[in-house]
Each structure stands twice: as C-alpha cells, then as structure tokens.
Amino acid sequence: MPSIILLNKPYGVLSQFTDDRGRPTLADHIRCKGFYAAGRLDSDSEGLLLLTDDGALQHQISHPRQKLPKTYWVQVEGEIGPGALAKLRRGVSLKDGVTAPARARSLPAPDIWPRVPPVRERKSVATSWLELTIREGRNRQVRRMTAAVGFPTLRLIRTAIGNWRLGDLAPGEQRIEEVFAAPTRTARNRRRR
C-alpha cells in the first residue's frame, strides 16, 4: 500500500534532496528512504509538501491535468479589500496568460509559528491576510497573482493539497499516512454521471 508523508516545509528549504550549493534540503527533514516530492514549494514559501513512495501516486498528485486544489494563507502588503478579492476570483492577467478563477477570501491574522527570518515590517504600511485556493500550478503563481492586483506577497503558507491538510504540524514536522486506492480524476467524473 502506498504511503505519503505530509511535511510542513520550513522557510528556506528546497523541495529536493540534494543541492550542490549547500542550501537546506528535504534531506535535512526526511529520513525515510524511497520517498519523493509530489510537486514543489518554493524555498521562500512554507507549509504543506507531500512526498510519496509510489510513482503513480506522485504523478497523480503533481500532474497539472489532475488540477488538485491547493490552498494558501497569504500575508500581503496593504489592506486587501473586496475589489482585489473579486479580481482574484475572476482570474487575473499574468505574462503567461489569464489565471483560472480562484477562491479568495479575507482571513484574520492566523495564530501560526513565527517565520525565521521574520517578515520585514514597515511601520507605515499595514499588512493583511487572505486565503487563496487555486487549481493551477504555474511558477510562483500566488505571488504573481497578488502582485497583479496590487498586493505583494510577504509570506506564503500552503495549508492544503486536495484532501490533505497541514493541520497542527510545526515547521519541519511530518506525519506518514497510508493511502487507500485514491480515485483518479476520470473515475471521479464517471461516478458523478
């Protein structure tokens, strides 16, 4: 039976096991052999990263065709309002095309771990939080989306991928789960008919 590791990837850690420049990698946190990341999370982003010991499951989770929803808590510069949230919900124009509509809502500042190093603060500029759920996986997409609506991202934490949730894992902590025959997108679509 395939297994999956849910890791709370800390800020500054690469989503790979080796690095020829000596930067922190998954090898600093994952001791289980034979697990590989199912997708990526930029080094300057934090939160849920899935790893699995099953190639088919890895492909199913990470392939863009599956369009698994990914949910993020995003701290942005400025007080994000209804207009910017509406634009995110419609889709925004980026250099590589218009994004698919996202789910977006304001979020009270979450009670979470401090980031190391801390997010830069400017006393004259407020910050706010939003929850954003996307189904695409473009390079640095969330950061580019918030910037496109006028609110640069300061901190980015992925909290969910599909039905997997970060929960109360602290940075660097992990949990292993067995995966029971996860239905493919095609099988799910057949069941809906």
N, C-alpha and C. Protein backbone atom coordinates (compact mmCIF):
# COMPACT_ATOMS: atom_id res chain seq x y z
N MET A 1 0.84 -1.18 0.00
CA MET A 1 0.00 0.00 0.00
C MET A 1 0.89 1.24 0.00
N PRO A 2 0.60 2.21 -0.88
CA PRO A 2 1.41 3.42 -0.93
C PRO A 2 1.32 4.21 0.37
N SER A 3 2.39 4.91 0.67
CA SER A 3 2.41 5.80 1.84
C SER A 3 2.69 7.21 1.36
N ILE A 4 2.27 8.16 2.18
CA ILE A 4 2.51 9.56 1.86
C ILE A 4 3.00 10.25 3.13
N ILE A 5 3.96 11.13 2.96
CA ILE A 5 4.45 11.96 4.07
C ILE A 5 3.91 13.36 3.89
N LEU A 6 3.29 13.89 4.92
CA LEU A 6 2.87 15.28 4.94
C LEU A 6 3.93 16.03 5.74
N LEU A 7 4.62 16.94 5.11
CA LEU A 7 5.69 17.70 5.75
C LEU A 7 5.32 19.17 5.79
N ASN A 8 5.56 19.80 6.93
CA ASN A 8 5.47 21.26 7.00
C ASN A 8 6.85 21.78 6.63
N LYS A 9 7.02 22.11 5.35
CA LYS A 9 8.32 22.56 4.85
C LYS A 9 8.64 23.94 5.41
N PRO A 10 9.76 24.06 6.11
CA PRO A 10 10.13 25.37 6.64
C PRO A 10 10.58 26.34 5.55
N TYR A 11 10.52 27.60 5.89
CA TYR A 11 11.03 28.66 5.01
C TYR A 11 12.51 28.39 4.72
N GLY A 12 12.93 28.59 3.48
CA GLY A 12 14.34 28.47 3.12
C GLY A 12 14.80 27.07 2.74
N VAL A 13 13.91 26.08 2.82
CA VAL A 13 14.27 24.70 2.48
C VAL A 13 13.86 24.42 1.04
N LEU A 14 14.78 23.83 0.27
CA LEU A 14 14.48 23.47 -1.12
C LEU A 14 13.61 22.22 -1.16
N SER A 15 12.75 22.11 -2.16
CA SER A 15 11.88 20.94 -2.32
C SER A 15 12.59 19.83 -3.09
N GLN A 16 13.81 19.54 -2.70
CA GLN A 16 14.63 18.49 -3.31
C GLN A 16 15.56 17.95 -2.24
N PHE A 17 16.18 16.80 -2.55
CA PHE A 17 17.01 16.15 -1.53
C PHE A 17 18.48 16.50 -1.60
N THR A 18 18.94 17.08 -2.68
CA THR A 18 20.35 17.44 -2.80
C THR A 18 20.49 18.86 -3.32
N ASP A 19 21.63 19.46 -3.00
CA ASP A 19 21.92 20.79 -3.52
C ASP A 19 23.44 20.97 -3.53
N ASP A 20 23.99 21.29 -4.67
CA ASP A 20 25.45 21.42 -4.77
C ASP A 20 25.96 22.73 -4.17
N ARG A 21 25.05 23.59 -3.69
CA ARG A 21 25.48 24.85 -3.08
C ARG A 21 25.32 24.83 -1.56
N GLY A 22 24.96 23.67 -1.00
CA GLY A 22 24.90 23.53 0.45
C GLY A 22 23.69 24.15 1.12
N ARG A 23 22.64 24.47 0.37
CA ARG A 23 21.44 25.04 0.96
C ARG A 23 20.62 23.95 1.65
N PRO A 24 19.75 24.31 2.60
CA PRO A 24 18.91 23.32 3.27
C PRO A 24 17.99 22.61 2.26
N THR A 25 17.84 21.29 2.43
CA THR A 25 17.02 20.49 1.52
C THR A 25 16.09 19.59 2.33
N LEU A 26 15.31 18.80 1.60
CA LEU A 26 14.41 17.84 2.25
C LEU A 26 15.19 16.79 3.04
N ALA A 27 16.43 16.53 2.63
CA ALA A 27 17.26 15.53 3.33
C ALA A 27 17.50 15.94 4.79
N ASP A 28 17.37 17.22 5.09
CA ASP A 28 17.53 17.69 6.47
C ASP A 28 16.32 17.34 7.34
N HIS A 29 15.22 16.91 6.70
CA HIS A 29 13.97 16.66 7.43
C HIS A 29 13.39 15.27 7.22
N ILE A 30 13.64 14.68 6.06
CA ILE A 30 13.05 13.38 5.72
C ILE A 30 14.12 12.30 5.81
N ARG A 31 13.92 11.34 6.70
CA ARG A 31 14.88 10.25 6.87
C ARG A 31 14.43 8.97 6.18
N CYS A 32 13.15 8.88 5.82
CA CYS A 32 12.62 7.68 5.16
C CYS A 32 13.19 7.60 3.74
N LYS A 33 13.66 6.44 3.36
CA LYS A 33 14.21 6.23 2.02
C LYS A 33 13.08 5.91 1.04
N GLY A 34 13.29 6.28 -0.21
CA GLY A 34 12.36 5.93 -1.27
C GLY A 34 11.16 6.85 -1.41
N PHE A 35 11.17 7.99 -0.73
CA PHE A 35 10.08 8.96 -0.86
C PHE A 35 10.54 10.11 -1.74
N TYR A 36 9.63 10.58 -2.58
CA TYR A 36 9.93 11.68 -3.49
C TYR A 36 8.81 12.71 -3.43
N ALA A 37 9.18 13.97 -3.60
CA ALA A 37 8.20 15.06 -3.54
C ALA A 37 7.19 14.94 -4.67
N ALA A 38 5.92 15.11 -4.32
CA ALA A 38 4.83 15.13 -5.29
C ALA A 38 4.46 16.60 -5.51
N GLY A 39 5.25 17.27 -6.31
CA GLY A 39 5.08 18.71 -6.53
C GLY A 39 6.20 19.47 -5.84
N ARG A 40 6.10 20.78 -5.91
CA ARG A 40 7.15 21.63 -5.37
C ARG A 40 6.53 22.74 -4.52
N LEU A 41 7.38 23.33 -3.72
CA LEU A 41 7.04 24.52 -2.96
C LEU A 41 8.31 25.35 -2.93
N ASP A 42 8.24 26.57 -3.40
CA ASP A 42 9.45 27.42 -3.48
C ASP A 42 10.15 27.51 -2.14
N SER A 43 11.45 27.75 -2.17
CA SER A 43 12.21 27.81 -0.92
C SER A 43 11.72 28.93 -0.01
N ASP A 44 11.20 30.03 -0.59
CA ASP A 44 10.73 31.13 0.25
C ASP A 44 9.25 31.00 0.61
N SER A 45 8.69 29.81 0.37
CA SER A 45 7.32 29.51 0.80
C SER A 45 7.38 28.42 1.86
N GLU A 46 6.35 28.35 2.67
CA GLU A 46 6.29 27.40 3.77
C GLU A 46 5.06 26.53 3.63
N GLY A 47 5.00 25.49 4.45
CA GLY A 47 3.77 24.74 4.57
C GLY A 47 3.79 23.37 3.95
N LEU A 48 2.61 22.91 3.58
CA LEU A 48 2.39 21.52 3.21
C LEU A 48 3.11 21.13 1.92
N LEU A 49 3.94 20.09 2.07
CA LEU A 49 4.58 19.44 0.93
C LEU A 49 4.32 17.96 1.08
N LEU A 50 3.86 17.32 0.02
CA LEU A 50 3.58 15.89 0.04
C LEU A 50 4.72 15.13 -0.60
N LEU A 51 5.10 14.01 0.02
CA LEU A 51 6.08 13.10 -0.55
C LEU A 51 5.49 11.70 -0.52
N THR A 52 5.79 10.89 -1.53
CA THR A 52 5.24 9.55 -1.57
C THR A 52 6.29 8.55 -2.05
N ASP A 53 6.05 7.29 -1.72
CA ASP A 53 6.93 6.20 -2.15
C ASP A 53 6.35 5.47 -3.36
N ASP A 54 5.31 6.04 -3.98
CA ASP A 54 4.63 5.41 -5.11
C ASP A 54 4.63 6.35 -6.31
N GLY A 55 5.27 5.92 -7.40
CA GLY A 55 5.41 6.77 -8.59
C GLY A 55 4.08 7.16 -9.21
N ALA A 56 3.13 6.23 -9.27
CA ALA A 56 1.83 6.54 -9.87
C ALA A 56 1.09 7.58 -9.02
N LEU A 57 1.16 7.45 -7.70
CA LEU A 57 0.52 8.42 -6.82
C LEU A 57 1.20 9.78 -6.93
N GLN A 58 2.52 9.77 -7.00
CA GLN A 58 3.27 11.02 -7.17
C GLN A 58 2.79 11.75 -8.42
N HIS A 59 2.65 11.02 -9.51
CA HIS A 59 2.19 11.60 -10.77
C HIS A 59 0.76 12.12 -10.63
N GLN A 60 -0.09 11.33 -9.98
CA GLN A 60 -1.49 11.71 -9.81
C GLN A 60 -1.62 13.01 -9.00
N ILE A 61 -0.81 13.16 -7.98
CA ILE A 61 -0.88 14.36 -7.14
C ILE A 61 -0.33 15.58 -7.85
N SER A 62 0.80 15.41 -8.54
CA SER A 62 1.52 16.57 -9.06
C SER A 62 1.18 16.95 -10.49
N HIS A 63 0.55 16.07 -11.26
CA HIS A 63 0.31 16.38 -12.67
C HIS A 63 -0.74 17.49 -12.81
N PRO A 64 -0.43 18.52 -13.61
CA PRO A 64 -1.37 19.64 -13.77
C PRO A 64 -2.76 19.22 -14.26
N ARG A 65 -2.83 18.12 -15.00
CA ARG A 65 -4.12 17.67 -15.52
C ARG A 65 -5.08 17.28 -14.39
N GLN A 66 -4.54 16.86 -13.26
CA GLN A 66 -5.40 16.46 -12.13
C GLN A 66 -6.07 17.66 -11.48
N LYS A 67 -5.41 18.82 -11.56
CA LYS A 67 -5.96 20.07 -11.03
C LYS A 67 -6.44 19.95 -9.57
N LEU A 68 -5.62 19.30 -8.73
CA LEU A 68 -5.94 19.25 -7.31
C LEU A 68 -5.94 20.66 -6.74
N PRO A 69 -6.94 21.02 -5.96
CA PRO A 69 -6.93 22.37 -5.36
C PRO A 69 -5.81 22.48 -4.34
N LYS A 70 -5.15 23.62 -4.35
CA LYS A 70 -4.10 23.93 -3.39
C LYS A 70 -4.50 25.22 -2.68
N THR A 71 -4.50 25.16 -1.34
CA THR A 71 -4.95 26.30 -0.55
C THR A 71 -3.76 26.92 0.17
N TYR A 72 -3.72 28.24 0.16
CA TYR A 72 -2.62 29.00 0.75
C TYR A 72 -3.16 30.08 1.67
N TRP A 73 -2.42 30.32 2.76
CA TRP A 73 -2.62 31.52 3.56
C TRP A 73 -1.54 32.49 3.09
N VAL A 74 -1.96 33.70 2.75
CA VAL A 74 -1.06 34.67 2.14
C VAL A 74 -1.09 35.97 2.93
N GLN A 75 0.06 36.38 3.42
CA GLN A 75 0.17 37.69 4.04
C GLN A 75 0.63 38.65 2.96
N VAL A 76 -0.10 39.74 2.78
CA VAL A 76 0.23 40.70 1.73
C VAL A 76 0.49 42.07 2.33
N GLU A 77 1.17 42.87 1.55
CA GLU A 77 1.43 44.25 1.94
C GLU A 77 0.19 45.07 1.61
N GLY A 78 -0.35 45.76 2.60
CA GLY A 78 -1.55 46.57 2.40
C GLY A 78 -2.79 45.85 2.91
N GLU A 79 -3.88 46.60 2.98
CA GLU A 79 -5.17 46.05 3.43
C GLU A 79 -5.96 45.61 2.21
N ILE A 80 -5.96 44.31 1.94
CA ILE A 80 -6.66 43.81 0.75
C ILE A 80 -8.16 43.94 0.96
N GLY A 81 -8.85 44.40 -0.08
CA GLY A 81 -10.28 44.65 0.03
C GLY A 81 -11.10 43.85 -0.95
N PRO A 82 -12.41 44.08 -0.96
CA PRO A 82 -13.33 43.32 -1.81
C PRO A 82 -13.00 43.40 -3.30
N GLY A 83 -12.54 44.55 -3.77
CA GLY A 83 -12.23 44.70 -5.20
C GLY A 83 -11.11 43.77 -5.64
N ALA A 84 -10.03 43.73 -4.88
CA ALA A 84 -8.90 42.86 -5.23
C ALA A 84 -9.29 41.39 -5.11
N LEU A 85 -10.08 41.05 -4.08
CA LEU A 85 -10.53 39.67 -3.92
C LEU A 85 -11.41 39.25 -5.10
N ALA A 86 -12.27 40.16 -5.57
CA ALA A 86 -13.14 39.86 -6.72
C ALA A 86 -12.30 39.60 -7.97
N LYS A 87 -11.24 40.36 -8.16
CA LYS A 87 -10.36 40.14 -9.31
C LYS A 87 -9.70 38.76 -9.24
N LEU A 88 -9.24 38.37 -8.06
CA LEU A 88 -8.64 37.04 -7.89
C LEU A 88 -9.66 35.95 -8.19
N ARG A 89 -10.91 36.18 -7.80
CA ARG A 89 -11.97 35.18 -8.04
C ARG A 89 -12.29 35.05 -9.52
N ARG A 90 -12.12 36.13 -10.28
CA ARG A 90 -12.40 36.09 -11.72
C ARG A 90 -11.23 35.51 -12.51
N GLY A 91 -10.01 35.64 -11.98
CA GLY A 91 -8.80 35.31 -12.72
C GLY A 91 -8.10 36.60 -13.10
N VAL A 92 -6.78 36.59 -13.01
CA VAL A 92 -6.02 37.80 -13.31
C VAL A 92 -5.06 37.54 -14.48
N SER A 93 -4.76 38.61 -15.18
CA SER A 93 -3.87 38.52 -16.34
C SER A 93 -2.42 38.57 -15.88
N LEU A 94 -1.67 37.52 -16.23
CA LEU A 94 -0.23 37.45 -15.96
C LEU A 94 0.50 37.39 -17.29
N LYS A 95 1.80 37.48 -17.28
CA LYS A 95 2.57 37.43 -18.52
C LYS A 95 2.35 36.15 -19.31
N ASP A 96 2.05 35.04 -18.61
CA ASP A 96 1.83 33.77 -19.29
C ASP A 96 0.34 33.45 -19.46
N GLY A 97 -0.51 34.47 -19.41
CA GLY A 97 -1.94 34.30 -19.66
C GLY A 97 -2.79 34.56 -18.43
N VAL A 98 -4.08 34.49 -18.64
CA VAL A 98 -5.04 34.74 -17.56
C VAL A 98 -5.16 33.48 -16.70
N THR A 99 -5.15 33.67 -15.39
CA THR A 99 -5.28 32.53 -14.48
C THR A 99 -6.73 32.05 -14.44
N ALA A 100 -6.90 30.83 -14.06
CA ALA A 100 -8.25 30.31 -13.81
C ALA A 100 -8.80 31.03 -12.57
N PRO A 101 -10.11 31.13 -12.46
CA PRO A 101 -10.68 31.74 -11.26
C PRO A 101 -10.21 31.01 -10.00
N ALA A 102 -9.99 31.78 -8.95
CA ALA A 102 -9.53 31.24 -7.67
C ALA A 102 -10.61 31.46 -6.62
N ARG A 103 -10.54 30.69 -5.55
CA ARG A 103 -11.35 31.01 -4.37
C ARG A 103 -10.49 31.95 -3.53
N ALA A 104 -11.06 33.06 -3.12
CA ALA A 104 -10.29 34.04 -2.34
C ALA A 104 -11.19 34.67 -1.29
N ARG A 105 -10.65 34.77 -0.08
CA ARG A 105 -11.39 35.44 1.00
C ARG A 105 -10.41 36.05 1.97
N SER A 106 -10.84 37.13 2.62
CA SER A 106 -10.03 37.73 3.68
C SER A 106 -9.92 36.75 4.83
N LEU A 107 -8.83 36.87 5.56
CA LEU A 107 -8.55 35.94 6.66
C LEU A 107 -8.01 36.75 7.83
N PRO A 108 -8.53 36.54 9.04
CA PRO A 108 -7.90 37.20 10.18
C PRO A 108 -6.46 36.67 10.31
N ALA A 109 -5.58 37.47 10.87
CA ALA A 109 -4.20 37.02 11.04
C ALA A 109 -4.19 35.69 11.79
N PRO A 110 -3.68 34.63 11.15
CA PRO A 110 -3.71 33.31 11.79
C PRO A 110 -2.73 33.21 12.94
N ASP A 111 -3.05 32.34 13.88
CA ASP A 111 -2.18 32.07 15.03
C ASP A 111 -1.20 30.98 14.60
N ILE A 112 -0.06 31.38 14.07
CA ILE A 112 0.91 30.44 13.49
C ILE A 112 2.30 30.70 14.05
N TRP A 113 3.22 29.83 13.69
CA TRP A 113 4.60 29.92 14.12
C TRP A 113 5.26 31.17 13.54
N PRO A 114 6.24 31.72 14.25
CA PRO A 114 6.99 32.86 13.68
C PRO A 114 7.89 32.38 12.55
N ARG A 115 8.05 33.21 11.55
CA ARG A 115 8.94 32.84 10.45
C ARG A 115 10.37 33.22 10.81
N VAL A 116 11.31 32.37 10.41
CA VAL A 116 12.72 32.65 10.61
C VAL A 116 13.39 32.65 9.24
N PRO A 117 13.92 33.79 8.79
CA PRO A 117 13.90 35.12 9.41
C PRO A 117 12.51 35.73 9.34
N PRO A 118 12.25 36.72 10.22
CA PRO A 118 10.91 37.32 10.25
C PRO A 118 10.63 38.08 8.95
N VAL A 119 9.34 38.25 8.67
CA VAL A 119 8.90 39.05 7.54
C VAL A 119 9.26 40.49 7.84
N ARG A 120 9.77 41.20 6.85
CA ARG A 120 10.13 42.60 7.06
C ARG A 120 8.87 43.41 7.38
N GLU A 121 9.01 44.32 8.29
CA GLU A 121 7.88 45.16 8.67
C GLU A 121 8.20 46.61 8.39
N ARG A 122 7.19 47.30 7.86
CA ARG A 122 7.29 48.75 7.67
C ARG A 122 6.16 49.37 8.47
N LYS A 123 6.52 50.15 9.46
CA LYS A 123 5.52 50.69 10.37
C LYS A 123 4.45 51.51 9.66
N SER A 124 4.80 52.10 8.52
CA SER A 124 3.85 52.95 7.81
C SER A 124 2.94 52.17 6.85
N VAL A 125 3.19 50.86 6.67
CA VAL A 125 2.40 50.07 5.73
C VAL A 125 1.77 48.88 6.46
N ALA A 126 0.46 48.82 6.42
CA ALA A 126 -0.26 47.72 7.07
C ALA A 126 -0.10 46.44 6.24
N THR A 127 -0.38 45.32 6.87
CA THR A 127 -0.42 44.05 6.14
C THR A 127 -1.77 43.39 6.43
N SER A 128 -2.13 42.45 5.59
CA SER A 128 -3.37 41.70 5.79
C SER A 128 -3.17 40.28 5.27
N TRP A 129 -4.13 39.41 5.59
CA TRP A 129 -4.06 38.00 5.20
C TRP A 129 -5.25 37.64 4.35
N LEU A 130 -5.04 36.70 3.44
CA LEU A 130 -6.13 36.12 2.68
C LEU A 130 -5.89 34.63 2.53
N GLU A 131 -6.97 33.92 2.26
CA GLU A 131 -6.89 32.50 1.92
C GLU A 131 -7.19 32.40 0.43
N LEU A 132 -6.31 31.73 -0.30
CA LEU A 132 -6.43 31.64 -1.75
C LEU A 132 -6.32 30.17 -2.15
N THR A 133 -7.28 29.69 -2.93
CA THR A 133 -7.26 28.32 -3.42
C THR A 133 -7.22 28.35 -4.95
N ILE A 134 -6.20 27.69 -5.51
CA ILE A 134 -6.04 27.63 -6.96
C ILE A 134 -5.99 26.18 -7.41
N ARG A 135 -6.20 25.96 -8.70
CA ARG A 135 -6.13 24.61 -9.27
C ARG A 135 -5.07 24.52 -10.35
N GLU A 136 -4.29 25.55 -10.49
CA GLU A 136 -3.20 25.55 -11.47
C GLU A 136 -1.89 25.43 -10.70
N GLY A 137 -0.81 25.30 -11.44
CA GLY A 137 0.48 25.19 -10.78
C GLY A 137 1.56 25.97 -11.52
N ARG A 138 1.24 27.19 -11.92
CA ARG A 138 2.23 27.99 -12.62
C ARG A 138 3.34 28.42 -11.67
N ASN A 139 4.48 28.72 -12.23
CA ASN A 139 5.63 29.14 -11.44
C ASN A 139 5.30 30.40 -10.64
N ARG A 140 5.46 30.31 -9.32
CA ARG A 140 5.25 31.43 -8.40
C ARG A 140 3.89 32.11 -8.62
N GLN A 141 2.90 31.31 -8.91
CA GLN A 141 1.59 31.83 -9.33
C GLN A 141 0.92 32.69 -8.27
N VAL A 142 0.87 32.23 -7.03
CA VAL A 142 0.17 33.01 -6.00
C VAL A 142 0.83 34.37 -5.82
N ARG A 143 2.14 34.39 -5.76
CA ARG A 143 2.86 35.67 -5.61
C ARG A 143 2.56 36.61 -6.78
N ARG A 144 2.54 36.06 -7.97
CA ARG A 144 2.28 36.90 -9.15
C ARG A 144 0.83 37.38 -9.18
N MET A 145 -0.09 36.54 -8.71
CA MET A 145 -1.50 36.94 -8.68
C MET A 145 -1.74 38.09 -7.70
N THR A 146 -1.20 37.97 -6.49
CA THR A 146 -1.44 39.05 -5.51
C THR A 146 -0.77 40.34 -5.96
N ALA A 147 0.41 40.23 -6.56
CA ALA A 147 1.08 41.44 -7.07
C ALA A 147 0.27 42.07 -8.20
N ALA A 148 -0.35 41.24 -9.04
CA ALA A 148 -1.12 41.75 -10.17
C ALA A 148 -2.34 42.55 -9.73
N VAL A 149 -2.86 42.27 -8.52
CA VAL A 149 -4.00 43.04 -8.02
C VAL A 149 -3.55 44.11 -7.02
N GLY A 150 -2.23 44.35 -6.95
CA GLY A 150 -1.71 45.46 -6.16
C GLY A 150 -1.30 45.16 -4.73
N PHE A 151 -1.16 43.86 -4.39
CA PHE A 151 -0.83 43.49 -3.02
C PHE A 151 0.31 42.46 -3.02
N PRO A 152 1.55 42.92 -2.96
CA PRO A 152 2.69 41.99 -2.98
C PRO A 152 2.66 41.02 -1.80
N THR A 153 3.01 39.77 -2.07
CA THR A 153 3.05 38.74 -1.03
C THR A 153 4.28 38.93 -0.14
N LEU A 154 4.06 38.87 1.16
CA LEU A 154 5.14 38.92 2.14
C LEU A 154 5.44 37.54 2.71
N ARG A 155 4.39 36.75 2.90
CA ARG A 155 4.55 35.41 3.46
C ARG A 155 3.52 34.49 2.82
N LEU A 156 3.96 33.26 2.51
CA LEU A 156 3.09 32.32 1.80
C LEU A 156 3.19 30.95 2.45
N ILE A 157 2.04 30.44 2.91
CA ILE A 157 1.99 29.15 3.61
C ILE A 157 0.93 28.28 2.93
N ARG A 158 1.34 27.14 2.39
CA ARG A 158 0.37 26.22 1.79
C ARG A 158 -0.23 25.39 2.92
N THR A 159 -1.56 25.37 3.00
CA THR A 159 -2.25 24.68 4.09
C THR A 159 -2.96 23.41 3.64
N ALA A 160 -3.18 23.24 2.33
CA ALA A 160 -3.89 22.04 1.86
C ALA A 160 -3.55 21.75 0.41
N ILE A 161 -3.55 20.45 0.10
CA ILE A 161 -3.47 19.96 -1.28
C ILE A 161 -4.53 18.89 -1.39
N GLY A 162 -5.55 19.12 -2.22
CA GLY A 162 -6.66 18.18 -2.28
C GLY A 162 -7.26 18.00 -0.91
N ASN A 163 -7.37 16.74 -0.46
CA ASN A 163 -7.94 16.45 0.87
C ASN A 163 -6.89 16.40 1.98
N TRP A 164 -5.63 16.57 1.64
CA TRP A 164 -4.57 16.56 2.66
C TRP A 164 -4.44 17.94 3.27
N ARG A 165 -4.37 17.99 4.61
CA ARG A 165 -4.31 19.26 5.34
C ARG A 165 -3.04 19.34 6.19
N LEU A 166 -2.50 20.53 6.31
CA LEU A 166 -1.32 20.76 7.13
C LEU A 166 -1.62 20.49 8.61
N GLY A 167 -2.80 20.88 9.03
CA GLY A 167 -3.19 20.65 10.43
C GLY A 167 -2.26 21.37 11.39
N ASP A 168 -1.89 20.69 12.47
CA ASP A 168 -1.07 21.32 13.51
C ASP A 168 0.41 20.98 13.43
N LEU A 169 0.87 20.53 12.25
CA LEU A 169 2.30 20.22 12.09
C LEU A 169 3.13 21.50 12.23
N ALA A 170 4.14 21.46 13.06
CA ALA A 170 5.07 22.59 13.20
C ALA A 170 6.09 22.53 12.06
N PRO A 171 6.78 23.63 11.78
CA PRO A 171 7.79 23.61 10.72
C PRO A 171 8.80 22.48 10.94
N GLY A 172 9.02 21.69 9.89
CA GLY A 172 9.94 20.57 9.95
C GLY A 172 9.31 19.27 10.41
N GLU A 173 8.11 19.34 10.99
CA GLU A 173 7.43 18.12 11.44
C GLU A 173 6.74 17.43 10.27
N GLN A 174 6.53 16.14 10.43
CA GLN A 174 5.91 15.34 9.37
C GLN A 174 5.00 14.30 9.98
N ARG A 175 4.13 13.79 9.12
CA ARG A 175 3.21 12.72 9.50
C ARG A 175 3.13 11.78 8.31
N ILE A 176 3.13 10.47 8.56
CA ILE A 176 3.04 9.48 7.49
C ILE A 176 1.64 8.88 7.50
N GLU A 177 1.04 8.78 6.32
CA GLU A 177 -0.28 8.18 6.18
C GLU A 177 -0.24 7.12 5.09
N GLU A 178 -1.03 6.08 5.27
CA GLU A 178 -1.21 5.11 4.19
C GLU A 178 -2.30 5.63 3.28
N VAL A 179 -2.16 5.38 1.99
CA VAL A 179 -3.12 5.88 1.02
C VAL A 179 -3.90 4.70 0.48
N PHE A 180 -5.19 4.77 0.63
CA PHE A 180 -6.05 3.73 0.09
C PHE A 180 -6.48 4.15 -1.29
N ALA A 181 -6.54 3.24 -2.22
CA ALA A 181 -6.89 3.46 -3.61
C ALA A 181 -7.55 4.80 -3.87
N ALA A 182 -6.74 5.80 -4.09
CA ALA A 182 -7.26 7.13 -4.40
C ALA A 182 -7.82 7.12 -5.81
N PRO A 183 -9.08 7.55 -5.99
CA PRO A 183 -9.66 7.52 -7.33
C PRO A 183 -8.98 8.53 -8.24
N THR A 184 -8.88 8.17 -9.49
CA THR A 184 -8.33 9.10 -10.48
C THR A 184 -9.40 10.10 -10.83
N ARG A 185 -9.02 11.17 -11.48
CA ARG A 185 -9.98 12.19 -11.90
C ARG A 185 -11.04 11.58 -12.81
N THR A 186 -10.62 10.71 -13.72
CA THR A 186 -11.55 10.07 -14.65
C THR A 186 -12.58 9.24 -13.88
N ALA A 187 -12.13 8.48 -12.89
CA ALA A 187 -13.05 7.67 -12.10
C ALA A 187 -14.03 8.55 -11.33
N ARG A 188 -13.57 9.65 -10.79
CA ARG A 188 -14.46 10.57 -10.07
C ARG A 188 -15.52 11.13 -11.02
N ASN A 189 -15.11 11.51 -12.24
CA ASN A 189 -16.05 12.06 -13.20
C ASN A 189 -17.11 11.04 -13.60
N ARG A 190 -16.70 9.76 -13.75
CA ARG A 190 -17.67 8.72 -14.10
C ARG A 190 -18.71 8.56 -13.00
N ARG A 191 -18.28 8.66 -11.73
CA ARG A 191 -19.21 8.47 -10.62
C ARG A 191 -20.25 9.59 -10.56
N ARG A 192 -19.90 10.78 -11.01
CA ARG A 192 -20.83 11.91 -10.93
C ARG A 192 -21.97 11.78 -11.93
N ARG A 193 -21.76 11.03 -13.00
CA ARG A 193 -22.78 10.93 -14.07
C ARG A 193 -23.96 10.11 -13.64
